[in-house]
N, C-alpha and C. Protein backbone atom coordinates (compact mmCIF):
# COMPACT_ATOMS: atom_id res chain seq x y z
N MET A 1 195.57 124.65 115.84
CA MET A 1 194.38 125.03 116.61
C MET A 1 193.35 125.71 115.70
N GLY A 2 193.77 126.77 115.01
CA GLY A 2 192.85 127.49 114.14
C GLY A 2 192.31 126.62 113.02
N GLU A 3 193.17 125.74 112.49
CA GLU A 3 192.75 124.86 111.40
C GLU A 3 191.63 123.93 111.85
N MET A 4 191.76 123.42 113.08
CA MET A 4 190.75 122.50 113.60
C MET A 4 189.40 123.21 113.74
N VAL A 5 189.44 124.44 114.21
CA VAL A 5 188.20 125.22 114.36
C VAL A 5 187.53 125.40 113.01
N ILE A 6 188.32 125.71 111.99
CA ILE A 6 187.79 125.91 110.64
C ILE A 6 187.14 124.61 110.13
N GLN A 7 187.79 123.48 110.40
CA GLN A 7 187.24 122.19 109.95
C GLN A 7 185.91 121.91 110.63
N ILE A 8 185.84 122.21 111.93
CA ILE A 8 184.60 121.97 112.68
C ILE A 8 183.48 122.86 112.13
N LEU A 9 183.80 124.13 111.89
CA LEU A 9 182.79 125.06 111.36
C LEU A 9 182.33 124.60 109.98
N ALA A 10 183.26 124.13 109.16
CA ALA A 10 182.91 123.67 107.81
C ALA A 10 181.98 122.45 107.90
N ALA A 11 182.27 121.53 108.81
CA ALA A 11 181.44 120.33 108.97
C ALA A 11 180.05 120.72 109.45
N LEU A 12 179.97 121.67 110.37
CA LEU A 12 178.67 122.13 110.88
C LEU A 12 177.86 122.78 109.76
N ALA A 13 178.50 123.63 108.98
CA ALA A 13 177.81 124.31 107.89
C ALA A 13 177.30 123.30 106.87
N GLU A 14 178.11 122.28 106.59
CA GLU A 14 177.74 121.26 105.62
C GLU A 14 176.52 120.48 106.08
N SER A 15 176.52 120.06 107.37
CA SER A 15 175.40 119.27 107.89
C SER A 15 174.14 120.13 107.95
N LYS A 16 174.30 121.41 108.29
CA LYS A 16 173.13 122.30 108.36
C LYS A 16 172.56 122.49 106.97
N CYS A 17 173.42 122.64 105.97
CA CYS A 17 172.98 122.84 104.59
C CYS A 17 172.23 121.59 104.11
N ALA A 18 172.77 120.41 104.41
CA ALA A 18 172.13 119.16 104.00
C ALA A 18 170.77 119.04 104.66
N TYR A 19 170.68 119.45 105.94
CA TYR A 19 169.41 119.38 106.67
C TYR A 19 168.37 120.30 106.03
N ILE A 20 168.80 121.51 105.68
CA ILE A 20 167.88 122.48 105.07
C ILE A 20 167.38 121.95 103.72
N LEU A 21 168.28 121.38 102.92
CA LEU A 21 167.90 120.83 101.62
C LEU A 21 166.90 119.69 101.80
N GLU A 22 167.12 118.86 102.82
CA GLU A 22 166.24 117.74 103.09
C GLU A 22 164.85 118.24 103.44
N ARG A 23 164.79 119.25 104.29
CA ARG A 23 163.50 119.81 104.71
C ARG A 23 162.79 120.43 103.50
N ALA A 24 163.54 121.10 102.64
CA ALA A 24 162.96 121.73 101.46
C ALA A 24 162.37 120.66 100.54
N ASN A 25 163.07 119.54 100.40
CA ASN A 25 162.58 118.44 99.57
C ASN A 25 161.31 117.86 100.15
N ASP A 26 161.27 117.67 101.48
CA ASP A 26 160.07 117.14 102.13
C ASP A 26 158.88 118.06 101.85
N GLY A 27 159.11 119.36 101.96
CA GLY A 27 158.04 120.32 101.73
C GLY A 27 157.54 120.26 100.29
N ARG A 28 158.45 120.09 99.35
CA ARG A 28 158.09 120.04 97.94
C ARG A 28 157.25 118.79 97.66
N ILE A 29 157.66 117.67 98.24
CA ILE A 29 156.94 116.40 98.05
C ILE A 29 155.54 116.51 98.64
N ALA A 30 155.45 117.11 99.84
CA ALA A 30 154.14 117.28 100.49
C ALA A 30 153.25 118.17 99.64
N ALA A 31 153.81 119.22 99.06
CA ALA A 31 153.04 120.14 98.22
C ALA A 31 152.55 119.42 96.97
N MET A 32 153.37 118.56 96.40
CA MET A 32 152.98 117.80 95.21
C MET A 32 151.80 116.88 95.54
N LYS A 33 151.87 116.20 96.70
CA LYS A 33 150.80 115.30 97.10
C LYS A 33 149.51 116.08 97.34
N ALA A 34 149.63 117.25 97.97
CA ALA A 34 148.45 118.05 98.30
C ALA A 34 147.87 118.70 97.04
N GLY A 35 148.74 119.17 96.15
CA GLY A 35 148.30 119.89 94.96
C GLY A 35 148.03 118.98 93.80
């Protein structure tokens, strides 16, 4: 039971981290185009 919860939390953290990195990349590209 506890192991499954840890796996779910790890997967959530991973997807959230990937999402944040993606957004940061989009912002950087937009800044390059603007600047």
